[in-house]
Full PDB file with SEQRES, HELIX, SHEET, SSBOND, CRYST1, ORIGX, SCALE, CONECT and MASTER records, all heavy atoms in Angstrom:
SEQRES   1 A   33  ILE SER SER MET GLY TRP TYR ARG GLN ALA PRO GLY ASN          
SEQRES   2 A   33  GLU ARG GLU LEU VAL ALA THR ILE THR SER GLY GLY ILE          
SEQRES   3 A   33  THR ASN TYR ALA ASP SER VAL                                  
SHEET    1 AA1 3 SER A   3  ARG A   8  0                                        
SHEET    2 AA1 3 GLU A  16  THR A  22 -1                                        
SHEET    3 AA1 3 THR A  27  TYR A  29 -1                                        
CRYST1    1.000    1.000    1.000  90.00  90.00  90.00 P 1           1          
ORIGX1      1.000000  0.000000  0.000000        0.00000                         
ORIGX2      0.000000  1.000000  0.000000        0.00000                         
ORIGX3      0.000000  0.000000  1.000000        0.00000                         
SCALE1      1.000000  0.000000  0.000000        0.00000                         
SCALE2      0.000000  1.000000  0.000000        0.00000                         
SCALE3      0.000000  0.000000  1.000000        0.00000                         
ATOM      1  N   ILE A   1       0.849  -1.173   0.000  1.00  0.00           N  
ATOM      2  CA  ILE A   1       0.000   0.000   0.000  1.00  0.00           C  
ATOM      3  C   ILE A   1       0.891   1.231   0.000  1.00  0.00           C  
ATOM      4  O   ILE A   1       1.637   1.461   0.953  1.00  0.00           O  
ATOM      5  CB  ILE A   1      -0.945   0.024   1.209  1.00  0.00           C  
ATOM      6  CG1 ILE A   1      -1.840  -1.209   1.202  1.00  0.00           C  
ATOM      7  CG2 ILE A   1      -1.771   1.304   1.203  1.00  0.00           C  
ATOM      8  CD1 ILE A   1      -2.769  -1.294   2.389  1.00  0.00           C  
ATOM      9  N   SER A   2       0.801   1.975  -1.063  1.00  0.00           N  
ATOM     10  CA  SER A   2       1.626   3.164  -1.190  1.00  0.00           C  
ATOM     11  C   SER A   2       1.151   4.273  -0.257  1.00  0.00           C  
ATOM     12  O   SER A   2       1.957   4.912   0.425  1.00  0.00           O  
ATOM     13  CB  SER A   2       1.610   3.663  -2.632  1.00  0.00           C  
ATOM     14  OG  SER A   2       2.328   4.884  -2.754  1.00  0.00           O  
ATOM     15  N   SER A   3      -0.140   4.492  -0.242  1.00  0.00           N  
ATOM     16  CA  SER A   3      -0.685   5.548   0.591  1.00  0.00           C  
ATOM     17  C   SER A   3      -2.112   5.217   0.955  1.00  0.00           C  
ATOM     18  O   SER A   3      -2.797   4.475   0.254  1.00  0.00           O  
ATOM     19  CB  SER A   3      -0.619   6.904  -0.116  1.00  0.00           C  
ATOM     20  OG  SER A   3      -1.430   6.917  -1.273  1.00  0.00           O  
ATOM     21  N   MET A   4      -2.536   5.767   2.053  1.00  0.00           N  
ATOM     22  CA  MET A   4      -3.918   5.664   2.477  1.00  0.00           C  
ATOM     23  C   MET A   4      -4.346   7.022   2.990  1.00  0.00           C  
ATOM     24  O   MET A   4      -3.513   7.856   3.347  1.00  0.00           O  
ATOM     25  CB  MET A   4      -4.103   4.604   3.569  1.00  0.00           C  
ATOM     26  CG  MET A   4      -3.765   3.187   3.122  1.00  0.00           C  
ATOM     27  SD  MET A   4      -4.013   1.939   4.414  1.00  0.00           S  
ATOM     28  CE  MET A   4      -5.810   1.897   4.508  1.00  0.00           C  
ATOM     29  N   GLY A   5      -5.634   7.213   3.017  1.00  0.00           N  
ATOM     30  CA  GLY A   5      -6.100   8.498   3.473  1.00  0.00           C  
ATOM     31  C   GLY A   5      -7.547   8.491   3.880  1.00  0.00           C  
ATOM     32  O   GLY A   5      -8.270   7.507   3.704  1.00  0.00           O  
ATOM     33  N   TRP A   6      -7.924   9.602   4.440  1.00  0.00           N  
ATOM     34  CA  TRP A   6      -9.294   9.842   4.848  1.00  0.00           C  
ATOM     35  C   TRP A   6      -9.868  10.994   4.051  1.00  0.00           C  
ATOM     36  O   TRP A   6      -9.226  12.042   3.906  1.00  0.00           O  
ATOM     37  CB  TRP A   6      -9.381  10.165   6.338  1.00  0.00           C  
ATOM     38  CG  TRP A   6      -9.055   9.005   7.223  1.00  0.00           C  
ATOM     39  CD1 TRP A   6      -7.867   8.734   7.821  1.00  0.00           C  
ATOM     40  CD2 TRP A   6      -9.947   7.959   7.601  1.00  0.00           C  
ATOM     41  NE1 TRP A   6      -7.952   7.581   8.564  1.00  0.00           N  
ATOM     42  CE2 TRP A   6      -9.225   7.086   8.443  1.00  0.00           C  
ATOM     43  CE3 TRP A   6     -11.282   7.671   7.323  1.00  0.00           C  
ATOM     44  CZ2 TRP A   6      -9.798   5.948   9.005  1.00  0.00           C  
ATOM     45  CZ3 TRP A   6     -11.844   6.540   7.876  1.00  0.00           C  
ATOM     46  CH2 TRP A   6     -11.109   5.691   8.706  1.00  0.00           C  
ATOM     47  N   TYR A   7     -11.058  10.793   3.566  1.00  0.00           N  
ATOM     48  CA  TYR A   7     -11.824  11.819   2.900  1.00  0.00           C  
ATOM     49  C   TYR A   7     -13.165  11.916   3.601  1.00  0.00           C  
ATOM     50  O   TYR A   7     -13.558  11.011   4.334  1.00  0.00           O  
ATOM     51  CB  TYR A   7     -12.013  11.486   1.422  1.00  0.00           C  
ATOM     52  CG  TYR A   7     -10.719  11.488   0.630  1.00  0.00           C  
ATOM     53  CD1 TYR A   7      -9.782  10.477   0.787  1.00  0.00           C  
ATOM     54  CD2 TYR A   7     -10.437  12.511  -0.275  1.00  0.00           C  
ATOM     55  CE1 TYR A   7      -8.594  10.479   0.078  1.00  0.00           C  
ATOM     56  CE2 TYR A   7      -9.254  12.514  -0.992  1.00  0.00           C  
ATOM     57  CZ  TYR A   7      -8.342  11.502  -0.815  1.00  0.00           C  
ATOM     58  OH  TYR A   7      -7.166  11.512  -1.522  1.00  0.00           O  
ATOM     59  N   ARG A   8     -13.840  13.000   3.388  1.00  0.00           N  
ATOM     60  CA  ARG A   8     -15.152  13.133   4.000  1.00  0.00           C  
ATOM     61  C   ARG A   8     -16.116  13.806   3.044  1.00  0.00           C  
ATOM     62  O   ARG A   8     -15.723  14.566   2.162  1.00  0.00           O  
ATOM     63  CB  ARG A   8     -15.083  13.900   5.321  1.00  0.00           C  
ATOM     64  CG  ARG A   8     -14.691  15.365   5.197  1.00  0.00           C  
ATOM     65  CD  ARG A   8     -14.485  15.962   6.571  1.00  0.00           C  
ATOM     66  NE  ARG A   8     -14.150  17.372   6.517  1.00  0.00           N  
ATOM     67  CZ  ARG A   8     -13.780  18.095   7.562  1.00  0.00           C  
ATOM     68  NH1 ARG A   8     -13.700  17.531   8.771  1.00  0.00           N  
ATOM     69  NH2 ARG A   8     -13.500  19.382   7.429  1.00  0.00           N  
ATOM     70  N   GLN A   9     -17.370  13.496   3.245  1.00  0.00           N  
ATOM     71  CA  GLN A   9     -18.408  14.048   2.403  1.00  0.00           C  
ATOM     72  C   GLN A   9     -19.648  14.312   3.239  1.00  0.00           C  
ATOM     73  O   GLN A   9     -20.201  13.397   3.847  1.00  0.00           O  
ATOM     74  CB  GLN A   9     -18.731  13.103   1.250  1.00  0.00           C  
ATOM     75  CG  GLN A   9     -19.651  13.690   0.211  1.00  0.00           C  
ATOM     76  CD  GLN A   9     -19.670  12.876  -1.066  1.00  0.00           C  
ATOM     77  OE1 GLN A   9     -19.342  11.692  -1.068  1.00  0.00           O  
ATOM     78  NE2 GLN A   9     -20.036  13.503  -2.159  1.00  0.00           N  
ATOM     79  N   ALA A  10     -20.042  15.549   3.271  1.00  0.00           N  
ATOM     80  CA  ALA A  10     -21.262  15.949   3.947  1.00  0.00           C  
ATOM     81  C   ALA A  10     -22.378  16.075   2.918  1.00  0.00           C  
ATOM     82  O   ALA A  10     -22.114  16.288   1.733  1.00  0.00           O  
ATOM     83  CB  ALA A  10     -21.065  17.266   4.681  1.00  0.00           C  
ATOM     84  N   PRO A  11     -23.627  15.954   3.340  1.00  0.00           N  
ATOM     85  CA  PRO A  11     -24.740  16.068   2.399  1.00  0.00           C  
ATOM     86  C   PRO A  11     -24.684  17.360   1.602  1.00  0.00           C  
ATOM     87  O   PRO A  11     -24.529  18.448   2.163  1.00  0.00           O  
ATOM     88  CB  PRO A  11     -25.972  16.030   3.301  1.00  0.00           C  
ATOM     89  CG  PRO A  11     -25.528  15.246   4.489  1.00  0.00           C  
ATOM     90  CD  PRO A  11     -24.094  15.643   4.701  1.00  0.00           C  
ATOM     91  N   GLY A  12     -24.785  17.230   0.299  1.00  0.00           N  
ATOM     92  CA  GLY A  12     -24.747  18.387  -0.571  1.00  0.00           C  
ATOM     93  C   GLY A  12     -23.375  18.932  -0.857  1.00  0.00           C  
ATOM     94  O   GLY A  12     -23.248  19.901  -1.610  1.00  0.00           O  
ATOM     95  N   ASN A  13     -22.365  18.342  -0.269  1.00  0.00           N  
ATOM     96  CA  ASN A  13     -21.002  18.819  -0.447  1.00  0.00           C  
ATOM     97  C   ASN A  13     -20.182  17.862  -1.295  1.00  0.00           C  
ATOM     98  O   ASN A  13     -20.511  16.681  -1.439  1.00  0.00           O  
ATOM     99  CB  ASN A  13     -20.316  19.009   0.904  1.00  0.00           C  
ATOM    100  CG  ASN A  13     -20.878  20.162   1.700  1.00  0.00           C  
ATOM    101  OD1 ASN A  13     -21.909  20.738   1.348  1.00  0.00           O  
ATOM    102  ND2 ASN A  13     -20.207  20.506   2.785  1.00  0.00           N  
ATOM    103  N   GLU A  14     -19.112  18.397  -1.835  1.00  0.00           N  
ATOM    104  CA  GLU A  14     -18.176  17.564  -2.554  1.00  0.00           C  
ATOM    105  C   GLU A  14     -17.326  16.772  -1.566  1.00  0.00           C  
ATOM    106  O   GLU A  14     -17.100  17.193  -0.437  1.00  0.00           O  
ATOM    107  CB  GLU A  14     -17.266  18.421  -3.431  1.00  0.00           C  
ATOM    108  CG  GLU A  14     -17.980  19.178  -4.537  1.00  0.00           C  
ATOM    109  CD  GLU A  14     -18.461  18.267  -5.635  1.00  0.00           C  
ATOM    110  OE1 GLU A  14     -17.817  17.233  -5.882  1.00  0.00           O  
ATOM    111  OE2 GLU A  14     -19.498  18.580  -6.242  1.00  0.00           O  
ATOM    112  N   ARG A  15     -16.882  15.628  -2.017  1.00  0.00           N  
ATOM    113  CA  ARG A  15     -15.952  14.866  -1.213  1.00  0.00           C  
ATOM    114  C   ARG A  15     -14.637  15.633  -1.112  1.00  0.00           C  
ATOM    115  O   ARG A  15     -14.127  16.147  -2.109  1.00  0.00           O  
ATOM    116  CB  ARG A  15     -15.725  13.488  -1.826  1.00  0.00           C  
ATOM    117  CG  ARG A  15     -14.832  12.579  -1.009  1.00  0.00           C  
ATOM    118  CD  ARG A  15     -14.744  11.195  -1.630  1.00  0.00           C  
ATOM    119  NE  ARG A  15     -16.044  10.542  -1.661  1.00  0.00           N  
ATOM    120  CZ  ARG A  15     -16.251   9.325  -2.156  1.00  0.00           C  
ATOM    121  NH1 ARG A  15     -15.237   8.622  -2.653  1.00  0.00           N  
ATOM    122  NH2 ARG A  15     -17.474   8.811  -2.154  1.00  0.00           N  
ATOM    123  N   GLU A  16     -14.120  15.726   0.074  1.00  0.00           N  
ATOM    124  CA  GLU A  16     -12.902  16.481   0.279  1.00  0.00           C  
ATOM    125  C   GLU A  16     -11.869  15.663   1.036  1.00  0.00           C  
ATOM    126  O   GLU A  16     -12.202  14.812   1.858  1.00  0.00           O  
ATOM    127  CB  GLU A  16     -13.185  17.784   1.040  1.00  0.00           C  
ATOM    128  CG  GLU A  16     -13.727  17.579   2.443  1.00  0.00           C  
ATOM    129  CD  GLU A  16     -13.900  18.877   3.203  1.00  0.00           C  
ATOM    130  OE1 GLU A  16     -13.345  19.909   2.779  1.00  0.00           O  
ATOM    131  OE2 GLU A  16     -14.601  18.860   4.238  1.00  0.00           O  
ATOM    132  N   LEU A  17     -10.646  15.962   0.741  1.00  0.00           N  
ATOM    133  CA  LEU A  17      -9.545  15.313   1.430  1.00  0.00           C  
ATOM    134  C   LEU A  17      -9.475  15.797   2.864  1.00  0.00           C  
ATOM    135  O   LEU A  17      -9.611  16.993   3.133  1.00  0.00           O  
ATOM    136  CB  LEU A  17      -8.230  15.599   0.705  1.00  0.00           C  
ATOM    137  CG  LEU A  17      -6.955  14.979   1.272  1.00  0.00           C  
ATOM    138  CD1 LEU A  17      -5.989  14.666   0.140  1.00  0.00           C  
ATOM    139  CD2 LEU A  17      -6.283  15.917   2.268  1.00  0.00           C  
ATOM    140  N   VAL A  18      -9.262  14.871   3.770  1.00  0.00           N  
ATOM    141  CA  VAL A  18      -9.031  15.200   5.166  1.00  0.00           C  
ATOM    142  C   VAL A  18      -7.552  15.039   5.494  1.00  0.00           C  
ATOM    143  O   VAL A  18      -6.907  15.966   5.975  1.00  0.00           O  
ATOM    144  CB  VAL A  18      -9.882  14.334   6.104  1.00  0.00           C  
ATOM    145  CG1 VAL A  18      -9.568  14.657   7.562  1.00  0.00           C  
ATOM    146  CG2 VAL A  18     -11.367  14.536   5.818  1.00  0.00           C  
ATOM    147  N   ALA A  19      -7.034  13.863   5.238  1.00  0.00           N  
ATOM    148  CA  ALA A  19      -5.636  13.585   5.539  1.00  0.00           C  
ATOM    149  C   ALA A  19      -5.192  12.362   4.769  1.00  0.00           C  
ATOM    150  O   ALA A  19      -5.976  11.439   4.548  1.00  0.00           O  
ATOM    151  CB  ALA A  19      -5.421  13.372   7.038  1.00  0.00           C  
ATOM    152  N   THR A  20      -3.949  12.359   4.371  1.00  0.00           N  
ATOM    153  CA  THR A  20      -3.364  11.197   3.724  1.00  0.00           C  
ATOM    154  C   THR A  20      -2.019  10.902   4.358  1.00  0.00           C  
ATOM    155  O   THR A  20      -1.389  11.772   4.960  1.00  0.00           O  
ATOM    156  CB  THR A  20      -3.168  11.402   2.209  1.00  0.00           C  
ATOM    157  OG1 THR A  20      -2.308  12.511   1.972  1.00  0.00           O  
ATOM    158  CG2 THR A  20      -4.507  11.633   1.523  1.00  0.00           C  
ATOM    159  N   ILE A  21      -1.593   9.669   4.185  1.00  0.00           N  
ATOM    160  CA  ILE A  21      -0.291   9.268   4.701  1.00  0.00           C  
ATOM    161  C   ILE A  21       0.300   8.230   3.763  1.00  0.00           C  
ATOM    162  O   ILE A  21      -0.380   7.302   3.323  1.00  0.00           O  
ATOM    163  CB  ILE A  21      -0.392   8.740   6.150  1.00  0.00           C  
ATOM    164  CG1 ILE A  21       0.999   8.456   6.718  1.00  0.00           C  
ATOM    165  CG2 ILE A  21      -1.291   7.514   6.227  1.00  0.00           C  
ATOM    166  CD1 ILE A  21       0.996   8.220   8.223  1.00  0.00           C  
ATOM    167  N   THR A  22       1.567   8.390   3.450  1.00  0.00           N  
ATOM    168  CA  THR A  22       2.259   7.413   2.630  1.00  0.00           C  
ATOM    169  C   THR A  22       2.835   6.323   3.510  1.00  0.00           C  
ATOM    170  O   THR A  22       2.882   6.435   4.737  1.00  0.00           O  
ATOM    171  CB  THR A  22       3.380   8.064   1.817  1.00  0.00           C  
ATOM    172  OG1 THR A  22       4.446   8.450   2.696  1.00  0.00           O  
ATOM    173  CG2 THR A  22       2.876   9.280   1.057  1.00  0.00           C  
ATOM    174  N   SER A  23       3.285   5.266   2.866  1.00  0.00           N  
ATOM    175  CA  SER A  23       3.906   4.186   3.627  1.00  0.00           C  
ATOM    176  C   SER A  23       5.154   4.652   4.348  1.00  0.00           C  
ATOM    177  O   SER A  23       5.541   4.061   5.359  1.00  0.00           O  
ATOM    178  CB  SER A  23       4.243   3.012   2.702  1.00  0.00           C  
ATOM    179  OG  SER A  23       5.174   3.397   1.707  1.00  0.00           O  
ATOM    180  N   GLY A  24       5.772   5.699   3.841  1.00  0.00           N  
ATOM    181  CA  GLY A  24       6.940   6.261   4.478  1.00  0.00           C  
ATOM    182  C   GLY A  24       6.631   7.264   5.567  1.00  0.00           C  
ATOM    183  O   GLY A  24       7.555   7.801   6.186  1.00  0.00           O  
ATOM    184  N   GLY A  25       5.352   7.522   5.788  1.00  0.00           N  
ATOM    185  CA  GLY A  25       4.963   8.399   6.876  1.00  0.00           C  
ATOM    186  C   GLY A  25       4.767   9.853   6.509  1.00  0.00           C  
ATOM    187  O   GLY A  25       4.564  10.685   7.394  1.00  0.00           O  
ATOM    188  N   ILE A  26       4.823  10.165   5.233  1.00  0.00           N  
ATOM    189  CA  ILE A  26       4.575  11.535   4.811  1.00  0.00           C  
ATOM    190  C   ILE A  26       3.080  11.812   4.885  1.00  0.00           C  
ATOM    191  O   ILE A  26       2.278  11.071   4.323  1.00  0.00           O  
ATOM    192  CB  ILE A  26       5.101  11.782   3.393  1.00  0.00           C  
ATOM    193  CG1 ILE A  26       6.608  11.526   3.338  1.00  0.00           C  
ATOM    194  CG2 ILE A  26       4.783  13.196   2.937  1.00  0.00           C  
ATOM    195  CD1 ILE A  26       7.190  11.574   1.947  1.00  0.00           C  
ATOM    196  N   THR A  27       2.726  12.873   5.549  1.00  0.00           N  
ATOM    197  CA  THR A  27       1.321  13.188   5.763  1.00  0.00           C  
ATOM    198  C   THR A  27       0.920  14.466   5.063  1.00  0.00           C  
ATOM    199  O   THR A  27       1.746  15.343   4.781  1.00  0.00           O  
ATOM    200  CB  THR A  27       1.004  13.322   7.256  1.00  0.00           C  
ATOM    201  OG1 THR A  27       1.827  14.341   7.832  1.00  0.00           O  
ATOM    202  CG2 THR A  27       1.266  12.007   7.973  1.00  0.00           C  
ATOM    203  N   ASN A  28      -0.354  14.554   4.796  1.00  0.00           N  
ATOM    204  CA  ASN A  28      -0.943  15.733   4.203  1.00  0.00           C  
ATOM    205  C   ASN A  28      -2.299  15.945   4.849  1.00  0.00           C  
ATOM    206  O   ASN A  28      -3.074  14.999   4.984  1.00  0.00           O  
ATOM    207  CB  ASN A  28      -1.083  15.565   2.690  1.00  0.00           C  
ATOM    208  CG  ASN A  28      -1.667  16.783   2.010  1.00  0.00           C  
ATOM    209  OD1 ASN A  28      -1.316  17.906   2.344  1.00  0.00           O  
ATOM    210  ND2 ASN A  28      -2.547  16.565   1.047  1.00  0.00           N  
ATOM    211  N   TYR A  29      -2.571  17.172   5.249  1.00  0.00           N  
ATOM    212  CA  TYR A  29      -3.817  17.487   5.931  1.00  0.00           C  
ATOM    213  C   TYR A  29      -4.530  18.634   5.261  1.00  0.00           C  
ATOM    214  O   TYR A  29      -3.904  19.562   4.738  1.00  0.00           O  
ATOM    215  CB  TYR A  29      -3.561  17.891   7.384  1.00  0.00           C  
ATOM    216  CG  TYR A  29      -3.008  16.809   8.261  1.00  0.00           C  
ATOM    217  CD1 TYR A  29      -1.641  16.670   8.437  1.00  0.00           C  
ATOM    218  CD2 TYR A  29      -3.854  15.936   8.938  1.00  0.00           C  
ATOM    219  CE1 TYR A  29      -1.125  15.686   9.253  1.00  0.00           C  
ATOM    220  CE2 TYR A  29      -3.346  14.950   9.757  1.00  0.00           C  
ATOM    221  CZ  TYR A  29      -1.981  14.826   9.914  1.00  0.00           C  
ATOM    222  OH  TYR A  29      -1.475  13.846  10.735  1.00  0.00           O  
ATOM    223  N   ALA A  30      -5.828  18.564   5.311  1.00  0.00           N  
ATOM    224  CA  ALA A  30      -6.609  19.727   4.939  1.00  0.00           C  
ATOM    225  C   ALA A  30      -6.363  20.827   5.958  1.00  0.00           C  
ATOM    226  O   ALA A  30      -6.183  20.564   7.151  1.00  0.00           O  
ATOM    227  CB  ALA A  30      -8.097  19.381   4.894  1.00  0.00           C  
ATOM    228  N   ASP A  31      -6.361  22.056   5.488  1.00  0.00           N  
ATOM    229  CA  ASP A  31      -6.111  23.172   6.390  1.00  0.00           C  
ATOM    230  C   ASP A  31      -7.117  23.211   7.540  1.00  0.00           C  
ATOM    231  O   ASP A  31      -6.773  23.597   8.662  1.00  0.00           O  
ATOM    232  CB  ASP A  31      -6.158  24.492   5.630  1.00  0.00           C  
ATOM    233  CG  ASP A  31      -4.956  24.691   4.727  1.00  0.00           C  
ATOM    234  OD1 ASP A  31      -3.927  24.025   4.943  1.00  0.00           O  
ATOM    235  OD2 ASP A  31      -5.046  25.523   3.809  1.00  0.00           O  
ATOM    236  N   SER A  32      -8.326  22.794   7.268  1.00  0.00           N  
ATOM    237  CA  SER A  32      -9.379  22.879   8.265  1.00  0.00           C  
ATOM    238  C   SER A  32      -9.185  21.929   9.436  1.00  0.00           C  
ATOM    239  O   SER A  32      -9.819  22.107  10.482  1.00  0.00           O  
ATOM    240  CB  SER A  32     -10.744  22.611   7.617  1.00  0.00           C  
ATOM    241  OG  SER A  32     -10.782  21.322   7.032  1.00  0.00           O  
ATOM    242  N   VAL A  33      -8.329  20.932   9.278  1.00  0.00           N  
ATOM    243  CA  VAL A  33      -8.148  19.951  10.350  1.00  0.00           C  
ATOM    244  C   VAL A  33      -6.746  19.963  10.924  1.00  0.00           C  
ATOM    245  O   VAL A  33      -6.478  19.244  11.901  1.00  0.00           O  
ATOM    246  CB  VAL A  33      -8.499  18.523   9.882  1.00  0.00           C  
ATOM    247  CG1 VAL A  33      -9.896  18.484   9.280  1.00  0.00           C  
ATOM    248  CG2 VAL A  33      -7.468  17.997   8.888  1.00  0.00           C  
TER     249      VAL A  33                                                      
MASTER        0    0    0    0    3    0    0    6  248    1    0    3          
END                                                                             
């Protein structure tokens, strides 16, 4: 698994990225979280 992540979708909203992480531990977060 190269990377995994969390996305979220609220009613009426587009799916948005929350956070991702690579197998090497590199992370990416939405500014809101």
